Amino acid sequence: MIDIQGLSFRYPRAERDAIQGLSLKVREGSLFGLLGPNGSGKTTLISILTGLLTPAAGRVRVAGHPMPAEARAAQTLSALVPQDYAFYPRLTVAENLRFFAGVCGIPAVEREGRVGEAVAITGLEAFRQARAEYLSGGLKRRLNLSIGLLNRPRLLFLDEPTVGIDPQSRQFILEAIKHINSAGATVIYTSHYMEEVEVLCDEIGVLDNGRLLAHGSLQELLDGGDRGLTVDLAAKPNLKQAKALKALEGLKLQGARLSMARCDDAELKRLMKTLTAQRLAVSRIKHGYGNLEEVFLHLTGRQLRD
């Protein structure tokens, strides 16, 4: 569905590229999680994929259409649901949907049917005549999503669609996204809620400083990279035991805790053999990443971003 090769982009007067030599493929039917801290290049990348920006270098194809040469053709089969509310507050839900159905070029005879499909998927049937400005935060998010579904997109971009809403509304939207994907749409999903991405996405890409740092399934990201190791011993080792442990390359000993910044399976086996030989009991061991947030912080760092 998406094929990117050597993509670069720099804004006017910027000191560095917002996207730097990025290559990525997203298969058709995927629910792809695009992650990155603020300023990582996510919005720029989506703007290029939706034909809003023209890259400085590289090749981009969306559903086989080269961008930006065939941007219009790609736009007819895709939709973008932005983080900000993108509807008219003083119009009702139905009026907004009819208006945007017209903007999408949907023939007049089909518009009511498309509106009905969209409100059914997002559970807005009971709110068709409600003014958008009076909707709750969760309902506004669902209206945003409804508008994005009007043209029956094969490719749907969702930019933080659950930000600032209650858990019940979030769960409803996540289930709706699963339904949309299972019906055949490829979904590009951005979020700062790592637990959502873990539950939803079959592929994940981590972007920072315009570069793709990692790409794969959740399990591949958890298993890959420089897996660290932390071992809590049942008791602090004596001098002889500590000497044997310190002989292992890369191992740090602090009291009864052992740690290694990088530990592959072979190194783990050597450590366990040493612990057995020294009669050291283990109370807790952690090898690799426990969740996506740990992977994300390892790849992008822990410093605050504006």
Protein backbone atom coordinates (compact mmCIF):
# COMPACT_ATOMS: atom_id res chain seq x y z
CA MET A 1 0.00 0.00 0.00
CA ILE A 2 2.85 2.41 0.86
CA ASP A 3 6.36 2.18 -0.60
CA ILE A 4 8.94 4.78 0.46
CA GLN A 5 12.55 4.73 -0.72
CA GLY A 6 15.24 7.24 0.36
CA LEU A 7 12.76 9.97 1.29
CA SER A 8 14.09 13.36 2.43
CA PHE A 9 12.36 16.65 3.15
CA ARG A 10 13.48 19.98 4.60
CA TYR A 11 11.32 22.98 5.43
CA PRO A 12 12.48 26.39 4.14
CA ARG A 13 15.16 27.96 6.35
CA ALA A 14 15.35 24.84 8.53
CA GLU A 15 18.79 23.79 9.76
CA ARG A 16 18.25 20.07 9.13
CA ASP A 17 16.00 17.73 7.24
CA ALA A 18 12.66 16.90 8.84
CA ILE A 19 12.82 13.53 7.04
CA GLN A 20 16.25 12.02 6.40
CA GLY A 21 16.77 9.17 3.93
CA LEU A 22 13.71 7.25 5.11
CA SER A 23 12.72 3.94 3.54
CA LEU A 24 9.60 2.06 4.60
CA LYS A 25 7.00 -0.34 3.22
CA VAL A 26 3.51 -0.76 4.66
CA ARG A 27 1.60 -3.74 3.30
CA GLU A 28 -2.02 -3.48 2.24
CA GLY A 29 -4.43 -4.39 5.04
CA SER A 30 -1.97 -3.54 7.80
CA LEU A 31 -2.85 -1.63 10.95
CA PHE A 32 0.42 0.26 11.18
CA GLY A 33 1.48 2.16 14.31
CA LEU A 34 3.64 5.20 13.53
CA LEU A 35 5.35 6.32 16.73
CA GLY A 36 7.71 9.13 17.55
CA PRO A 37 8.23 11.96 20.05
CA ASN A 38 7.13 15.50 19.25
CA GLY A 39 9.15 16.85 16.33
CA SER A 40 10.16 13.40 15.12
CA GLY A 41 8.76 13.89 11.60
CA LYS A 42 5.43 12.01 11.85
CA THR A 43 3.27 14.93 10.69
CA THR A 44 5.69 15.74 7.88
CA LEU A 45 5.65 12.14 6.69
CA ILE A 46 1.84 11.96 6.73
CA SER A 47 1.66 15.28 4.86
CA ILE A 48 3.89 13.84 2.14
CA LEU A 49 1.87 10.63 1.95
CA THR A 50 -1.36 12.59 1.61
CA GLY A 51 0.05 14.90 -1.07
CA LEU A 52 0.19 18.04 1.06
CA LEU A 53 3.99 18.34 0.84
CA THR A 54 6.45 17.56 -1.94
CA PRO A 55 9.61 15.67 -0.92
CA ALA A 56 13.05 16.99 -1.83
CA ALA A 57 14.42 13.55 -2.68
CA GLY A 58 13.38 9.93 -2.77
CA ARG A 59 10.52 7.90 -4.14
CA VAL A 60 7.02 7.59 -2.65
CA ARG A 61 4.18 5.41 -3.91
CA VAL A 62 0.73 5.21 -2.33
CA ALA A 63 -1.41 2.33 -3.63
CA GLY A 64 0.85 2.23 -6.68
CA HIS A 65 0.50 5.96 -7.38
CA PRO A 66 3.77 7.96 -7.49
CA MET A 67 3.65 11.01 -5.25
CA PRO A 68 3.19 13.88 -5.85
CA ALA A 69 2.66 13.25 -9.59
CA GLU A 70 -0.52 11.25 -8.99
CA ALA A 71 -1.46 12.74 -5.64
CA ARG A 72 -5.06 13.34 -6.68
CA ALA A 73 -5.57 9.67 -7.55
CA ALA A 74 -4.08 8.62 -4.19
CA GLN A 75 -6.24 11.16 -2.31
CA THR A 76 -9.46 9.74 -3.74
CA LEU A 77 -8.81 6.41 -2.03
CA SER A 78 -7.44 7.76 1.27
CA ALA A 79 -8.60 9.89 4.20
CA LEU A 80 -6.93 11.77 7.03
CA VAL A 81 -8.54 12.14 10.47
CA PRO A 82 -6.52 14.91 12.17
CA GLN A 83 -5.88 15.35 15.87
CA ASP A 84 -7.71 18.71 15.86
CA TYR A 85 -11.46 18.76 15.37
CA ALA A 86 -12.18 19.18 11.66
CA PHE A 87 -15.88 20.01 11.47
CA TYR A 88 -18.23 22.99 11.83
CA PRO A 89 -19.35 23.41 15.47
CA ARG A 90 -22.64 25.16 14.62
CA LEU A 91 -23.78 22.43 12.23
CA THR A 92 -25.43 19.22 13.41
CA VAL A 93 -23.74 15.84 13.05
CA ALA A 94 -25.85 15.04 9.98
CA GLU A 95 -25.27 18.47 8.42
CA ASN A 96 -21.52 18.15 8.87
CA LEU A 97 -21.50 14.71 7.30
CA ARG A 98 -23.63 15.78 4.35
CA PHE A 99 -21.40 18.80 3.76
CA PHE A 100 -18.18 16.80 3.82
CA ALA A 101 -19.74 14.10 1.65
CA GLY A 102 -20.19 16.84 -0.94
CA VAL A 103 -16.60 17.99 -0.48
CA CYS A 104 -15.48 14.40 -1.14
CA GLY A 105 -17.38 14.46 -4.42
CA ILE A 106 -19.84 11.76 -3.43
CA PRO A 107 -22.88 11.93 -5.75
CA ALA A 108 -25.98 13.45 -4.15
CA VAL A 109 -27.99 10.24 -4.53
CA GLU A 110 -25.38 8.33 -2.49
CA ARG A 111 -24.75 10.83 0.30
CA GLU A 112 -27.45 9.74 2.74
CA GLY A 113 -26.30 6.14 2.41
CA ARG A 114 -22.71 7.10 3.11
CA VAL A 115 -23.78 9.22 6.09
CA GLY A 116 -25.72 6.24 7.43
CA GLU A 117 -22.70 3.95 7.07
CA ALA A 118 -20.42 6.40 8.87
CA VAL A 119 -22.73 7.02 11.83
CA ALA A 120 -23.39 3.28 12.18
CA ILE A 121 -19.68 2.46 12.44
CA THR A 122 -19.05 5.25 14.96
CA GLY A 123 -22.27 4.83 16.96
CA LEU A 124 -23.62 8.31 16.26
CA GLU A 125 -27.15 7.35 15.16
CA ALA A 126 -28.77 8.92 18.23
CA PHE A 127 -26.83 12.18 17.75
CA ARG A 128 -27.52 12.93 14.08
CA GLN A 129 -29.51 16.08 14.91
CA ALA A 130 -27.24 17.29 17.72
CA ARG A 131 -25.14 20.40 17.11
CA ALA A 132 -21.47 19.49 17.02
CA GLU A 133 -20.48 22.17 19.54
CA TYR A 134 -22.64 20.52 22.21
CA LEU A 135 -21.17 17.04 21.82
CA SER A 136 -18.92 15.55 24.49
CA GLY A 137 -15.22 15.13 23.76
CA GLY A 138 -15.69 11.47 22.93
CA LEU A 139 -18.56 12.16 20.54
CA LYS A 140 -16.54 14.89 18.82
CA ARG A 141 -13.75 12.37 18.25
CA ARG A 142 -16.28 9.97 16.77
CA LEU A 143 -17.64 12.70 14.47
CA ASN A 144 -14.08 13.40 13.31
CA LEU A 145 -13.69 9.71 12.51
CA SER A 146 -17.09 9.57 10.76
CA ILE A 147 -16.07 12.31 8.35
CA GLY A 148 -12.95 10.34 7.47
CA LEU A 149 -15.04 7.29 6.57
CA LEU A 150 -17.38 8.98 4.09
CA ASN A 151 -15.33 8.14 0.99
CA ARG A 152 -14.84 4.50 2.10
CA PRO A 153 -11.06 4.92 2.20
CA ARG A 154 -8.71 2.07 1.36
CA LEU A 155 -6.03 3.97 3.31
CA LEU A 156 -6.95 5.76 6.54
CA PHE A 157 -4.57 8.04 8.45
CA LEU A 158 -5.50 8.51 12.13
CA ASP A 159 -3.56 11.19 14.02
CA GLU A 160 -4.03 10.60 17.78
CA PRO A 161 -7.78 9.90 17.49
CA THR A 162 -8.28 9.17 21.20
CA VAL A 163 -6.47 12.09 22.82
CA GLY A 164 -8.32 13.75 25.70
CA ILE A 165 -11.31 11.42 26.02
CA ASP A 166 -12.68 9.09 28.70
CA PRO A 167 -11.81 5.36 28.83
CA GLN A 168 -15.24 4.23 27.58
CA SER A 169 -15.08 6.48 24.51
CA ARG A 170 -11.49 5.41 23.89
CA GLN A 171 -12.43 1.74 23.98
CA PHE A 172 -15.34 2.32 21.57
CA ILE A 173 -13.09 4.11 19.08
CA LEU A 174 -10.43 1.40 19.30
CA GLU A 175 -13.03 -1.26 18.55
CA ALA A 176 -14.32 0.82 15.62
CA ILE A 177 -10.77 1.06 14.24
CA LYS A 178 -10.38 -2.72 14.48
CA HIS A 179 -13.64 -3.11 12.55
CA ILE A 180 -12.53 -0.64 9.86
CA ASN A 181 -9.24 -2.49 9.44
CA SER A 182 -10.84 -5.93 9.39
CA ALA A 183 -13.18 -4.68 6.64
CA GLY A 184 -10.13 -4.15 4.42
CA ALA A 185 -8.79 -0.64 5.05
CA THR A 186 -5.10 -0.08 5.64
CA VAL A 187 -4.75 2.12 8.74
CA ILE A 188 -1.81 4.34 9.69
CA TYR A 189 -2.21 5.05 13.40
CA THR A 190 -0.26 7.62 15.41
CA SER A 191 -0.56 7.85 19.18
CA HIS A 192 1.40 8.60 22.33
CA TYR A 193 -0.60 5.91 24.15
CA MET A 194 1.71 2.91 23.80
CA GLU A 195 -0.83 0.47 25.22
CA GLU A 196 -3.21 1.33 22.38
CA VAL A 197 -0.56 0.57 19.77
CA GLU A 198 0.29 -2.71 21.51
CA VAL A 199 -3.35 -3.82 21.31
CA LEU A 200 -4.18 -2.54 17.83
CA CYS A 201 -1.20 -2.66 15.54
CA ASP A 202 0.27 -5.60 13.65
CA GLU A 203 3.26 -3.50 12.51
CA ILE A 204 5.02 -0.63 14.25
CA GLY A 205 7.55 1.96 13.11
CA VAL A 206 9.48 4.24 15.47
CA LEU A 207 10.55 7.57 13.98
CA ASP A 208 12.86 10.18 15.48
CA ASN A 209 14.76 13.12 14.00
CA GLY A 210 13.32 12.16 10.62
CA ARG A 211 14.85 8.68 10.67
CA LEU A 212 13.20 5.29 11.04
CA LEU A 213 14.81 3.73 14.12
CA ALA A 214 12.89 0.45 14.18
CA HIS A 215 10.20 -1.36 12.20
CA GLY A 216 8.46 -4.67 12.77
CA SER A 217 5.79 -6.45 14.76
CA LEU A 218 5.44 -5.79 18.49
CA GLN A 219 7.17 -9.07 19.31
CA GLU A 220 10.02 -8.30 16.91
CA LEU A 221 10.57 -4.94 18.57
CA LEU A 222 10.47 -6.48 22.04
CA ASP A 223 12.91 -9.22 21.02
CA GLY A 224 15.24 -7.13 18.87
CA GLY A 225 17.91 -4.54 19.38
CA ASP A 226 20.30 -4.25 22.31
CA ARG A 227 18.45 -6.19 24.98
CA GLY A 228 19.48 -5.25 28.48
CA LEU A 229 19.59 -7.53 31.50
CA THR A 230 18.83 -6.96 35.17
CA VAL A 231 19.29 -9.69 37.80
CA ASP A 232 18.39 -9.32 41.47
CA LEU A 233 20.19 -11.86 43.65
CA ALA A 234 18.71 -13.33 46.81
CA ALA A 235 21.75 -12.09 48.76
CA LYS A 236 24.74 -9.82 48.22
CA PRO A 237 27.69 -11.86 46.84
CA ASN A 238 30.84 -12.31 48.91
CA LEU A 239 34.23 -11.16 47.67
CA LYS A 240 35.02 -14.44 45.86
CA GLN A 241 31.64 -14.53 44.17
CA ALA A 242 31.86 -10.83 43.23
CA LYS A 243 35.28 -11.40 41.64
CA ALA A 244 33.88 -14.22 39.47
CA LEU A 245 30.97 -12.04 38.36
CA LYS A 246 33.13 -9.03 37.55
CA ALA A 247 35.19 -11.22 35.22
CA LEU A 248 32.20 -11.30 32.87
CA GLU A 249 32.56 -8.59 30.23
CA GLY A 250 30.02 -5.77 30.40
CA LEU A 251 28.50 -6.83 33.73
CA LYS A 252 27.97 -4.28 36.50
CA LEU A 253 27.49 -5.26 40.14
CA GLN A 254 25.79 -2.97 42.63
CA GLY A 255 24.99 -4.63 45.93
CA ALA A 256 22.79 -7.61 45.09
CA ARG A 257 21.87 -6.35 41.60
CA LEU A 258 23.61 -7.31 38.35
CA SER A 259 23.04 -5.45 35.10
CA MET A 260 24.23 -5.49 31.50
CA ALA A 261 23.35 -2.82 28.94
CA ARG A 262 23.54 -5.43 26.17
CA CYS A 263 23.08 -9.13 26.70
CA ASP A 264 22.49 -11.67 23.95
CA ASP A 265 21.42 -15.26 24.58
CA ALA A 266 25.00 -16.56 24.69
CA GLU A 267 26.00 -13.99 27.31
CA LEU A 268 22.93 -14.83 29.35
CA LYS A 269 23.89 -18.51 29.35
CA ARG A 270 27.44 -17.67 30.52
CA LEU A 271 26.07 -15.56 33.34
CA MET A 272 23.64 -18.24 34.49
CA LYS A 273 26.44 -20.81 34.42
CA THR A 274 28.57 -18.53 36.62
CA LEU A 275 25.72 -17.94 39.06
CA THR A 276 25.19 -21.69 39.37
CA ALA A 277 28.90 -22.34 39.89
CA GLN A 278 29.06 -19.66 42.59
CA ARG A 279 25.89 -20.95 44.29
CA LEU A 280 24.14 -17.59 43.91
CA ALA A 281 20.35 -17.70 44.04
CA VAL A 282 18.29 -15.38 41.79
CA SER A 283 15.15 -13.68 43.09
CA ARG A 284 14.27 -11.78 39.90
CA ILE A 285 15.53 -11.59 36.33
CA LYS A 286 14.53 -9.32 33.47
CA HIS A 287 15.94 -9.80 29.96
CA GLY A 288 14.90 -7.51 27.11
CA TYR A 289 11.94 -5.16 27.01
CA GLY A 290 8.75 -5.69 28.95
CA ASN A 291 6.55 -3.45 26.81
CA LEU A 292 6.53 -1.04 23.88
CA GLU A 293 7.13 2.01 26.06
CA GLU A 294 10.48 0.59 27.18
CA VAL A 295 11.47 0.01 23.55
CA PHE A 296 10.36 3.53 22.63
CA LEU A 297 12.33 5.20 25.42
CA HIS A 298 15.40 3.08 24.68
CA LEU A 299 15.34 4.13 21.01
CA THR A 300 14.40 7.82 21.40
CA GLY A 301 15.86 8.67 24.82
CA ARG A 302 14.23 10.07 27.93
CA GLN A 303 14.87 13.79 27.42
CA LEU A 304 11.82 16.04 27.29
CA ARG A 305 10.61 17.20 23.85
CA ASP A 306 8.79 20.44 23.09
